[in-house]
């Protein structure tokens, strides 16, 4: 698993409640609960199907469970994703930004709860990504206890971490409280290539960063176009991280104006982001999931 030349795509299916929490906004309205699984996920599946792309979808267990208890449209899309060759990964049950601070047993139960839901869809999860990327050895020990093969919670971008701290400080100055954690510098430094973690028995598969300044190769920034987009085209190895919100439609989806004003991707038309993502994946000759990239 030490090297892969090509393109990996992973998609975090964070719901709108996650974004409201990090911006210190009130919880979203109940009718907004299904945006990630019912609106954004099918757009990814349609685009990836057109291009022959296979991706890793990191699923939040609470959202999947809520969907299963209702109409089940999101669960049906996730089942279709698994049947189509996409990988379903564990993004925790609760998506608690302070998960890393919980006792080991409580962490394990949270991860196992998400794992069980994914297996009900017929998936066999092999990988994990921590909420907000924040992880430590204790958390990864619980991932290893599930029998997983890899973690992908490292975004080795000190610039991103600095920007996160600045954003949290600004939110506090405005009289709100972000649920994001200041703890976790180790999640934003270190090797940029996959490497083995012998203490927890897992491979770490970092998200890609730029050559200069280690800027993050995530959809929020890459799909704007510009220098980071052009570098994404040129890297020998690219692990592009996307989020459900990257394919949200600010005109058609139920998204609060307060969130639209704070998330950069929601200030550009969905069609423009779709076109850039399509062009990027086409130029790079497609993409695959984390598990498929390191199947040997």
C-alpha atoms as a PDB file:
ATOM      1  CA  UNK A   1       0.000   0.000   0.000  1.00  0.00           C
ATOM      2  CA  UNK A   2       3.022   2.291   0.160  1.00  0.00           C
ATOM      3  CA  UNK A   3       2.560   3.908  -3.265  1.00  0.00           C
ATOM      4  CA  UNK A   4      -0.138   4.513  -5.836  1.00  0.00           C
ATOM      5  CA  UNK A   5       0.229   6.495  -9.033  1.00  0.00           C
ATOM      6  CA  UNK A   6      -3.100   7.689 -10.290  1.00  0.00           C
ATOM      7  CA  UNK A   7      -6.224   9.248  -8.829  1.00  0.00           C
ATOM      8  CA  UNK A   8      -8.168   8.308  -5.717  1.00  0.00           C
ATOM      9  CA  UNK A   9     -11.466   9.991  -4.893  1.00  0.00           C
ATOM     10  CA  UNK A  10     -13.102   9.914  -1.487  1.00  0.00           C
ATOM     11  CA  UNK A  11     -16.361  11.648  -0.567  1.00  0.00           C
ATOM     12  CA  UNK A  12     -17.407  12.550   2.998  1.00  0.00           C
ATOM     13  CA  UNK A  13     -21.196  12.427   3.195  1.00  0.00           C
ATOM     14  CA  UNK A  14     -21.441  14.992   6.003  1.00  0.00           C
ATOM     15  CA  UNK A  15     -24.957  16.321   6.415  1.00  0.00           C
ATOM     16  CA  UNK A  16     -25.908  19.964   6.881  1.00  0.00           C
ATOM     17  CA  UNK A  17     -25.925  19.598  10.675  1.00  0.00           C
ATOM     18  CA  UNK A  18     -22.123  19.172  10.572  1.00  0.00           C
ATOM     19  CA  UNK A  19     -21.684  22.522   8.827  1.00  0.00           C
ATOM     20  CA  UNK A  20     -24.113  24.298  11.111  1.00  0.00           C
ATOM     21  CA  UNK A  21     -22.110  22.957  14.055  1.00  0.00           C
ATOM     22  CA  UNK A  22     -18.709  24.133  12.836  1.00  0.00           C
ATOM     23  CA  UNK A  23     -20.084  27.591  12.007  1.00  0.00           C
ATOM     24  CA  UNK A  24     -21.845  27.897  15.354  1.00  0.00           C
ATOM     25  CA  UNK A  25     -25.271  28.142  13.701  1.00  0.00           C
ATOM     26  CA  UNK A  26     -28.537  26.746  15.115  1.00  0.00           C
ATOM     27  CA  UNK A  27     -29.328  23.189  13.967  1.00  0.00           C
ATOM     28  CA  UNK A  28     -30.871  22.925  10.507  1.00  0.00           C
ATOM     29  CA  UNK A  29     -34.588  22.431  10.057  1.00  0.00           C
ATOM     30  CA  UNK A  30     -35.876  18.817   9.880  1.00  0.00           C
ATOM     31  CA  UNK A  31     -36.641  19.129   6.163  1.00  0.00           C
ATOM     32  CA  UNK A  32     -32.929  19.742   5.525  1.00  0.00           C
ATOM     33  CA  UNK A  33     -31.833  16.420   7.051  1.00  0.00           C
ATOM     34  CA  UNK A  34     -31.749  14.464   3.798  1.00  0.00           C
ATOM     35  CA  UNK A  35     -29.744  16.819   1.584  1.00  0.00           C
ATOM     36  CA  UNK A  36     -26.475  14.835   1.671  1.00  0.00           C
ATOM     37  CA  UNK A  37     -27.907  11.363   1.019  1.00  0.00           C
ATOM     38  CA  UNK A  38     -30.991  12.186  -1.035  1.00  0.00           C
ATOM     39  CA  UNK A  39     -29.813  15.158  -3.119  1.00  0.00           C
ATOM     40  CA  UNK A  40     -26.009  15.234  -3.314  1.00  0.00           C
ATOM     41  CA  UNK A  41     -25.191  11.515  -3.338  1.00  0.00           C
ATOM     42  CA  UNK A  42     -27.207  10.725  -6.508  1.00  0.00           C
ATOM     43  CA  UNK A  43     -25.421  13.569  -8.318  1.00  0.00           C
ATOM     44  CA  UNK A  44     -22.064  11.989  -7.473  1.00  0.00           C
ATOM     45  CA  UNK A  45     -23.303   8.567  -8.570  1.00  0.00           C
ATOM     46  CA  UNK A  46     -24.591   9.932 -11.870  1.00  0.00           C
ATOM     47  CA  UNK A  47     -21.329  11.755 -12.658  1.00  0.00           C
ATOM     48  CA  UNK A  48     -19.125   8.873 -11.553  1.00  0.00           C
ATOM     49  CA  UNK A  49     -21.237   6.452 -13.568  1.00  0.00           C
ATOM     50  CA  UNK A  50     -20.827   8.578 -16.691  1.00  0.00           C
ATOM     51  CA  UNK A  51     -17.038   8.658 -16.241  1.00  0.00           C
ATOM     52  CA  UNK A  52     -16.492   5.093 -15.020  1.00  0.00           C
ATOM     53  CA  UNK A  53     -15.099   6.426 -11.735  1.00  0.00           C
ATOM     54  CA  UNK A  54     -15.123   4.375  -8.528  1.00  0.00           C
ATOM     55  CA  UNK A  55     -14.918   6.240  -5.225  1.00  0.00           C
ATOM     56  CA  UNK A  56     -14.916   5.768  -1.467  1.00  0.00           C
ATOM     57  CA  UNK A  57     -17.973   7.218   0.284  1.00  0.00           C
ATOM     58  CA  UNK A  58     -17.446   7.836   4.008  1.00  0.00           C
ATOM     59  CA  UNK A  59     -20.881   7.461   5.598  1.00  0.00           C
ATOM     60  CA  UNK A  60     -22.157   9.043   8.828  1.00  0.00           C
ATOM     61  CA  UNK A  61     -24.089   6.364  10.671  1.00  0.00           C
ATOM     62  CA  UNK A  62     -26.696   8.601  12.333  1.00  0.00           C
ATOM     63  CA  UNK A  63     -27.782   9.947   8.939  1.00  0.00           C
ATOM     64  CA  UNK A  64     -28.009   6.480   7.424  1.00  0.00           C
ATOM     65  CA  UNK A  65     -30.010   5.202  10.400  1.00  0.00           C
ATOM     66  CA  UNK A  66     -32.408   8.152  10.244  1.00  0.00           C
ATOM     67  CA  UNK A  67     -32.886   7.519   6.545  1.00  0.00           C
ATOM     68  CA  UNK A  68     -33.530   3.808   7.118  1.00  0.00           C
ATOM     69  CA  UNK A  69     -36.218   4.715   9.651  1.00  0.00           C
ATOM     70  CA  UNK A  70     -37.920   6.911   7.048  1.00  0.00           C
ATOM     71  CA  UNK A  71     -38.426   6.517   3.301  1.00  0.00           C
ATOM     72  CA  UNK A  72     -34.987   4.929   2.858  1.00  0.00           C
ATOM     73  CA  UNK A  73     -34.053   6.807  -0.305  1.00  0.00           C
ATOM     74  CA  UNK A  74     -30.499   7.527   0.892  1.00  0.00           C
ATOM     75  CA  UNK A  75     -29.972   3.905   1.933  1.00  0.00           C
ATOM     76  CA  UNK A  76     -31.131   2.805  -1.524  1.00  0.00           C
ATOM     77  CA  UNK A  77     -28.592   5.125  -3.165  1.00  0.00           C
ATOM     78  CA  UNK A  78     -25.827   3.787  -0.891  1.00  0.00           C
ATOM     79  CA  UNK A  79     -26.814   0.193  -1.716  1.00  0.00           C
ATOM     80  CA  UNK A  80     -26.661   1.091  -5.402  1.00  0.00           C
ATOM     81  CA  UNK A  81     -23.229   2.645  -4.836  1.00  0.00           C
ATOM     82  CA  UNK A  82     -21.916  -0.544  -3.231  1.00  0.00           C
ATOM     83  CA  UNK A  83     -23.403  -2.693  -6.004  1.00  0.00           C
ATOM     84  CA  UNK A  84     -21.787  -0.418  -8.604  1.00  0.00           C
ATOM     85  CA  UNK A  85     -18.292  -0.982  -7.218  1.00  0.00           C
ATOM     86  CA  UNK A  86     -17.944   2.018  -4.931  1.00  0.00           C
ATOM     87  CA  UNK A  87     -16.520   1.569  -1.439  1.00  0.00           C
ATOM     88  CA  UNK A  88     -18.506   2.483   1.678  1.00  0.00           C
ATOM     89  CA  UNK A  89     -16.311   3.615   4.579  1.00  0.00           C
ATOM     90  CA  UNK A  90     -16.969   4.399   8.225  1.00  0.00           C
ATOM     91  CA  UNK A  91     -17.176   8.105   9.129  1.00  0.00           C
ATOM     92  CA  UNK A  92     -18.384   7.298  12.679  1.00  0.00           C
ATOM     93  CA  UNK A  93     -21.983   7.056  13.836  1.00  0.00           C
ATOM     94  CA  UNK A  94     -22.345  10.417  15.565  1.00  0.00           C
ATOM     95  CA  UNK A  95     -19.843  12.554  13.630  1.00  0.00           C
ATOM     96  CA  UNK A  96     -18.950  14.088  16.993  1.00  0.00           C
ATOM     97  CA  UNK A  97     -16.097  16.568  16.597  1.00  0.00           C
ATOM     98  CA  UNK A  98     -14.943  15.653  20.124  1.00  0.00           C
ATOM     99  CA  UNK A  99     -14.969  11.904  19.386  1.00  0.00           C
ATOM    100  CA  UNK A 100     -11.221  11.852  19.986  1.00  0.00           C
ATOM    101  CA  UNK A 101     -11.857  12.902  23.611  1.00  0.00           C
ATOM    102  CA  UNK A 102     -14.259  10.051  24.402  1.00  0.00           C
ATOM    103  CA  UNK A 103     -13.302   6.946  26.433  1.00  0.00           C
ATOM    104  CA  UNK A 104     -12.047   4.036  24.346  1.00  0.00           C
ATOM    105  CA  UNK A 105     -15.128   1.875  24.914  1.00  0.00           C
ATOM    106  CA  UNK A 106     -17.497   4.643  23.908  1.00  0.00           C
ATOM    107  CA  UNK A 107     -15.487   5.349  20.746  1.00  0.00           C
ATOM    108  CA  UNK A 108     -15.554   1.677  19.823  1.00  0.00           C
ATOM    109  CA  UNK A 109     -19.322   1.434  20.276  1.00  0.00           C
ATOM    110  CA  UNK A 110     -19.846   4.518  18.108  1.00  0.00           C
ATOM    111  CA  UNK A 111     -17.699   3.121  15.290  1.00  0.00           C
ATOM    112  CA  UNK A 112     -19.218  -0.338  15.574  1.00  0.00           C
ATOM    113  CA  UNK A 113     -22.730   1.136  15.333  1.00  0.00           C
ATOM    114  CA  UNK A 114     -21.869   2.746  11.994  1.00  0.00           C
ATOM    115  CA  UNK A 115     -20.123  -0.436  10.859  1.00  0.00           C
ATOM    116  CA  UNK A 116     -23.242  -2.493  11.573  1.00  0.00           C
ATOM    117  CA  UNK A 117     -25.433  -0.146   9.542  1.00  0.00           C
ATOM    118  CA  UNK A 118     -23.074  -0.338   6.561  1.00  0.00           C
ATOM    119  CA  UNK A 119     -23.078  -4.123   6.725  1.00  0.00           C
ATOM    120  CA  UNK A 120     -26.872  -4.102   6.623  1.00  0.00           C
ATOM    121  CA  UNK A 121     -26.472  -2.553   3.169  1.00  0.00           C
ATOM    122  CA  UNK A 122     -24.197  -5.409   2.118  1.00  0.00           C
ATOM    123  CA  UNK A 123     -20.950  -3.438   2.460  1.00  0.00           C
ATOM    124  CA  UNK A 124     -17.761  -4.792   4.040  1.00  0.00           C
ATOM    125  CA  UNK A 125     -16.068  -1.657   5.449  1.00  0.00           C
ATOM    126  CA  UNK A 126     -12.281  -1.566   5.357  1.00  0.00           C
ATOM    127  CA  UNK A 127     -11.520   2.070   6.193  1.00  0.00           C
ATOM    128  CA  UNK A 128     -12.303   4.974   8.480  1.00  0.00           C
ATOM    129  CA  UNK A 129     -12.144   8.762   8.446  1.00  0.00           C
ATOM    130  CA  UNK A 130     -12.423  10.776  11.649  1.00  0.00           C
ATOM    131  CA  UNK A 131     -14.842  13.708  12.014  1.00  0.00           C
ATOM    132  CA  UNK A 132     -12.924  16.914  11.356  1.00  0.00           C
ATOM    133  CA  UNK A 133      -9.839  14.759  10.630  1.00  0.00           C
ATOM    134  CA  UNK A 134      -9.005  14.838  14.370  1.00  0.00           C
ATOM    135  CA  UNK A 135      -7.601  11.511  15.501  1.00  0.00           C
ATOM    136  CA  UNK A 136      -5.018   9.997  17.820  1.00  0.00           C
ATOM    137  CA  UNK A 137      -3.596   6.581  18.659  1.00  0.00           C
ATOM    138  CA  UNK A 138      -6.429   5.670  21.049  1.00  0.00           C
ATOM    139  CA  UNK A 139      -9.092   6.368  18.440  1.00  0.00           C
ATOM    140  CA  UNK A 140      -7.202   4.422  15.778  1.00  0.00           C
ATOM    141  CA  UNK A 141      -6.867   1.467  18.136  1.00  0.00           C
ATOM    142  CA  UNK A 142     -10.659   1.231  18.089  1.00  0.00           C
ATOM    143  CA  UNK A 143     -10.613   1.366  14.286  1.00  0.00           C
ATOM    144  CA  UNK A 144      -8.103  -1.481  14.276  1.00  0.00           C
ATOM    145  CA  UNK A 145     -10.280  -3.447  16.701  1.00  0.00           C
ATOM    146  CA  UNK A 146     -12.999  -3.518  14.036  1.00  0.00           C
ATOM    147  CA  UNK A 147     -10.601  -5.360  11.734  1.00  0.00           C
ATOM    148  CA  UNK A 148     -10.232  -2.464   9.320  1.00  0.00           C
ATOM    149  CA  UNK A 149      -7.260  -2.161   7.014  1.00  0.00           C
ATOM    150  CA  UNK A 150      -6.710   1.588   6.822  1.00  0.00           C
ATOM    151  CA  UNK A 151      -7.395   5.033   8.217  1.00  0.00           C
ATOM    152  CA  UNK A 152      -7.682   8.141   6.048  1.00  0.00           C
ATOM    153  CA  UNK A 153      -7.929  10.924   8.633  1.00  0.00           C
ATOM    154  CA  UNK A 154      -4.701  12.782   7.857  1.00  0.00           C
ATOM    155  CA  UNK A 155      -4.787  16.043   5.921  1.00  0.00           C
ATOM    156  CA  UNK A 156      -1.092  17.040   6.150  1.00  0.00           C
ATOM    157  CA  UNK A 157      -1.691  20.747   5.627  1.00  0.00           C
ATOM    158  CA  UNK A 158      -0.477  23.080   8.405  1.00  0.00           C
ATOM    159  CA  UNK A 159      -2.007  25.918   6.375  1.00  0.00           C
ATOM    160  CA  UNK A 160      -5.434  24.299   6.663  1.00  0.00           C
ATOM    161  CA  UNK A 161      -4.979  23.889  10.423  1.00  0.00           C
ATOM    162  CA  UNK A 162      -3.967  27.534  10.798  1.00  0.00           C
ATOM    163  CA  UNK A 163      -6.999  28.595   8.768  1.00  0.00           C
ATOM    164  CA  UNK A 164      -9.238  26.422  10.923  1.00  0.00           C
ATOM    165  CA  UNK A 165      -7.961  28.047  14.131  1.00  0.00           C
ATOM    166  CA  UNK A 166      -8.430  31.513  12.629  1.00  0.00           C
ATOM    167  CA  UNK A 167     -12.002  30.674  11.614  1.00  0.00           C
ATOM    168  CA  UNK A 168     -12.802  29.345  15.079  1.00  0.00           C
ATOM    169  CA  UNK A 169     -11.423  32.523  16.663  1.00  0.00           C
ATOM    170  CA  UNK A 170     -13.488  34.692  14.313  1.00  0.00           C
ATOM    171  CA  UNK A 171     -16.644  32.741  15.139  1.00  0.00           C
ATOM    172  CA  UNK A 172     -15.993  33.228  18.853  1.00  0.00           C
ATOM    173  CA  UNK A 173     -15.465  36.957  18.365  1.00  0.00           C
ATOM    174  CA  UNK A 174     -18.877  37.061  16.706  1.00  0.00           C
ATOM    175  CA  UNK A 175     -20.437  35.582  19.850  1.00  0.00           C
ATOM    176  CA  UNK A 176     -20.932  32.029  18.567  1.00  0.00           C
ATOM    177  CA  UNK A 177     -19.206  28.745  19.391  1.00  0.00           C
ATOM    178  CA  UNK A 178     -17.886  26.352  16.783  1.00  0.00           C
ATOM    179  CA  UNK A 179     -18.052  22.631  17.521  1.00  0.00           C
ATOM    180  CA  UNK A 180     -14.759  22.123  15.680  1.00  0.00           C
ATOM    181  CA  UNK A 181     -11.806  21.185  17.857  1.00  0.00           C
ATOM    182  CA  UNK A 182      -8.611  23.189  18.232  1.00  0.00           C
ATOM    183  CA  UNK A 183      -6.885  20.012  19.366  1.00  0.00           C
ATOM    184  CA  UNK A 184      -5.343  17.828  16.701  1.00  0.00           C
ATOM    185  CA  UNK A 185      -2.258  19.413  15.148  1.00  0.00           C
ATOM    186  CA  UNK A 186      -0.883  15.914  14.509  1.00  0.00           C
ATOM    187  CA  UNK A 187      -3.722  15.332  12.017  1.00  0.00           C
ATOM    188  CA  UNK A 188      -2.393  18.176   9.830  1.00  0.00           C
ATOM    189  CA  UNK A 189       1.341  17.425   9.713  1.00  0.00           C
ATOM    190  CA  UNK A 190       3.470  14.436   8.818  1.00  0.00           C
ATOM    191  CA  UNK A 191       4.019  12.308   5.714  1.00  0.00           C
ATOM    192  CA  UNK A 192       2.054  12.993   2.571  1.00  0.00           C
ATOM    193  CA  UNK A 193       2.338   9.423   1.272  1.00  0.00           C
ATOM    194  CA  UNK A 194       0.581   6.296   2.568  1.00  0.00           C
ATOM    195  CA  UNK A 195       2.460   4.739   5.476  1.00  0.00           C
ATOM    196  CA  UNK A 196       1.979   1.920   7.964  1.00  0.00           C
ATOM    197  CA  UNK A 197       1.155   2.578  11.621  1.00  0.00           C
ATOM    198  CA  UNK A 198       2.475  -0.498  13.452  1.00  0.00           C
ATOM    199  CA  UNK A 199       1.108   0.499  16.872  1.00  0.00           C
ATOM    200  CA  UNK A 200      -2.475   0.294  15.628  1.00  0.00           C
ATOM    201  CA  UNK A 201      -2.032  -2.148  12.726  1.00  0.00           C
ATOM    202  CA  UNK A 202      -3.424   0.216  10.091  1.00  0.00           C
ATOM    203  CA  UNK A 203      -2.240   1.918   6.952  1.00  0.00           C
ATOM    204  CA  UNK A 204      -2.637   5.683   6.930  1.00  0.00           C
ATOM    205  CA  UNK A 205      -3.786   7.055   3.551  1.00  0.00           C
ATOM    206  CA  UNK A 206      -3.437  10.869   3.639  1.00  0.00           C
ATOM    207  CA  UNK A 207      -5.463  13.292   1.569  1.00  0.00           C
ATOM    208  CA  UNK A 208      -3.264  15.004  -1.013  1.00  0.00           C
ATOM    209  CA  UNK A 209      -1.782  18.463  -0.603  1.00  0.00           C
ATOM    210  CA  UNK A 210      -0.034  20.798  -3.018  1.00  0.00           C
ATOM    211  CA  UNK A 211       3.733  20.698  -3.492  1.00  0.00           C
ATOM    212  CA  UNK A 212       4.187  24.251  -2.265  1.00  0.00           C
ATOM    213  CA  UNK A 213       2.654  25.321   1.057  1.00  0.00           C
ATOM    214  CA  UNK A 214       0.884  21.961   1.401  1.00  0.00           C
ATOM    215  CA  UNK A 215      -2.500  23.396   0.503  1.00  0.00           C
ATOM    216  CA  UNK A 216      -5.330  20.835   0.773  1.00  0.00           C
ATOM    217  CA  UNK A 217      -6.618  19.009  -2.279  1.00  0.00           C
ATOM    218  CA  UNK A 218     -10.244  19.140  -1.192  1.00  0.00           C
ATOM    219  CA  UNK A 219     -13.249  20.045  -3.263  1.00  0.00           C
ATOM    220  CA  UNK A 220     -13.969  23.311  -1.472  1.00  0.00           C
ATOM    221  CA  UNK A 221     -10.747  24.759  -2.885  1.00  0.00           C
ATOM    222  CA  UNK A 222      -9.920  22.634  -5.941  1.00  0.00           C
ATOM    223  CA  UNK A 223     -13.322  23.064  -7.598  1.00  0.00           C
ATOM    224  CA  UNK A 224     -12.983  26.840  -7.531  1.00  0.00           C
ATOM    225  CA  UNK A 225     -10.495  26.536 -10.377  1.00  0.00           C
ATOM    226  CA  UNK A 226      -7.251  28.489 -10.348  1.00  0.00           C
ATOM    227  CA  UNK A 227      -3.789  27.361  -9.266  1.00  0.00           C
ATOM    228  CA  UNK A 228      -4.874  24.521  -6.990  1.00  0.00           C
ATOM    229  CA  UNK A 229      -7.099  23.067  -9.701  1.00  0.00           C
ATOM    230  CA  UNK A 230      -4.244  23.196 -12.190  1.00  0.00           C
ATOM    231  CA  UNK A 231      -1.913  21.474  -9.744  1.00  0.00           C
ATOM    232  CA  UNK A 232      -4.504  18.756  -9.173  1.00  0.00           C
ATOM    233  CA  UNK A 233      -4.332  18.116 -12.909  1.00  0.00           C
ATOM    234  CA  UNK A 234      -0.554  17.713 -12.836  1.00  0.00           C
ATOM    235  CA  UNK A 235       0.180  15.600  -9.731  1.00  0.00           C
ATOM    236  CA  UNK A 236       1.438  12.056 -10.373  1.00  0.00           C
ATOM    237  CA  UNK A 237      -0.603  10.820  -7.422  1.00  0.00           C
ATOM    238  CA  UNK A 238      -3.786  12.558  -6.300  1.00  0.00           C
ATOM    239  CA  UNK A 239      -6.095  11.666  -3.437  1.00  0.00           C
ATOM    240  CA  UNK A 240      -8.897  14.169  -3.894  1.00  0.00           C
ATOM    241  CA  UNK A 241     -11.278  14.566  -0.981  1.00  0.00           C
ATOM    242  CA  UNK A 242     -14.788  15.757  -1.756  1.00  0.00           C
ATOM    243  CA  UNK A 243     -17.770  16.431   0.466  1.00  0.00           C
ATOM    244  CA  UNK A 244     -21.480  16.049  -0.179  1.00  0.00           C
ATOM    245  CA  UNK A 245     -21.782  19.838  -0.151  1.00  0.00           C
ATOM    246  CA  UNK A 246     -19.492  20.057  -3.204  1.00  0.00           C
ATOM    247  CA  UNK A 247     -22.453  18.938  -5.299  1.00  0.00           C
ATOM    248  CA  UNK A 248     -25.176  20.728  -3.341  1.00  0.00           C
ATOM    249  CA  UNK A 249     -27.392  23.109  -5.282  1.00  0.00           C
ATOM    250  CA  UNK A 250     -27.880  26.414  -3.436  1.00  0.00           C
ATOM    251  CA  UNK A 251     -30.862  27.174  -5.662  1.00  0.00           C
ATOM    252  CA  UNK A 252     -32.732  23.857  -5.459  1.00  0.00           C
ATOM    253  CA  UNK A 253     -31.679  22.208  -2.175  1.00  0.00           C
ATOM    254  CA  UNK A 254     -33.039  23.135   1.243  1.00  0.00           C
ATOM    255  CA  UNK A 255     -30.021  25.040   2.585  1.00  0.00           C
ATOM    256  CA  UNK A 256     -30.282  27.925   5.032  1.00  0.00           C
ATOM    257  CA  UNK A 257     -29.151  31.335   3.729  1.00  0.00           C
ATOM    258  CA  UNK A 258     -26.781  31.641   6.699  1.00  0.00           C
ATOM    259  CA  UNK A 259     -24.921  28.525   5.584  1.00  0.00           C
ATOM    260  CA  UNK A 260     -24.918  29.532   1.911  1.00  0.00           C
ATOM    261  CA  UNK A 261     -23.180  32.754   2.926  1.00  0.00           C
ATOM    262  CA  UNK A 262     -20.456  30.918   4.845  1.00  0.00           C
ATOM    263  CA  UNK A 263     -19.552  27.989   2.586  1.00  0.00           C
ATOM    264  CA  UNK A 264     -17.509  29.024  -0.494  1.00  0.00           C
ATOM    265  CA  UNK A 265     -18.759  26.176  -2.672  1.00  0.00           C
ATOM    266  CA  UNK A 266     -22.350  27.332  -2.182  1.00  0.00           C
ATOM    267  CA  UNK A 267     -21.544  30.730  -3.627  1.00  0.00           C
ATOM    268  CA  UNK A 268     -20.913  29.267  -7.084  1.00  0.00           C
ATOM    269  CA  UNK A 269     -23.430  27.512  -9.356  1.00  0.00           C
ATOM    270  CA  UNK A 270     -23.649  23.746  -9.100  1.00  0.00           C
ATOM    271  CA  UNK A 271     -23.186  23.476 -12.876  1.00  0.00           C
ATOM    272  CA  UNK A 272     -19.771  25.148 -12.663  1.00  0.00           C
ATOM    273  CA  UNK A 273     -18.575  22.757  -9.942  1.00  0.00           C
ATOM    274  CA  UNK A 274     -19.885  19.757 -11.846  1.00  0.00           C
ATOM    275  CA  UNK A 275     -18.106  20.867 -15.000  1.00  0.00           C
ATOM    276  CA  UNK A 276     -14.786  21.352 -13.193  1.00  0.00           C
ATOM    277  CA  UNK A 277     -15.006  17.991 -11.454  1.00  0.00           C
ATOM    278  CA  UNK A 278     -15.946  16.249 -14.704  1.00  0.00           C
ATOM    279  CA  UNK A 279     -13.058  17.921 -16.549  1.00  0.00           C
ATOM    280  CA  UNK A 280     -10.566  17.102 -13.787  1.00  0.00           C
ATOM    281  CA  UNK A 281     -11.489  13.417 -13.587  1.00  0.00           C
ATOM    282  CA  UNK A 282     -11.588  13.089 -17.368  1.00  0.00           C
ATOM    283  CA  UNK A 283      -8.174  14.716 -17.780  1.00  0.00           C
ATOM    284  CA  UNK A 284      -6.696  12.410 -15.140  1.00  0.00           C
ATOM    285  CA  UNK A 285      -8.092   9.314 -16.828  1.00  0.00           C
ATOM    286  CA  UNK A 286     -10.680   8.462 -14.179  1.00  0.00           C
ATOM    287  CA  UNK A 287     -10.266   7.556 -10.520  1.00  0.00           C
ATOM    288  CA  UNK A 288     -10.715   4.715  -8.073  1.00  0.00           C
ATOM    289  CA  UNK A 289     -11.553   4.086  -4.437  1.00  0.00           C
ATOM    290  CA  UNK A 290      -9.019   3.823  -1.622  1.00  0.00           C
ATOM    291  CA  UNK A 291      -9.584   0.090  -1.159  1.00  0.00           C
ATOM    292  CA  UNK A 292      -9.289  -0.627  -4.892  1.00  0.00           C
ATOM    293  CA  UNK A 293      -6.107   1.439  -5.228  1.00  0.00           C
ATOM    294  CA  UNK A 294      -4.395  -0.683  -2.610  1.00  0.00           C
ATOM    295  CA  UNK A 295      -6.042  -4.027  -3.284  1.00  0.00           C
ATOM    296  CA  UNK A 296      -2.749  -5.849  -3.825  1.00  0.00           C
END
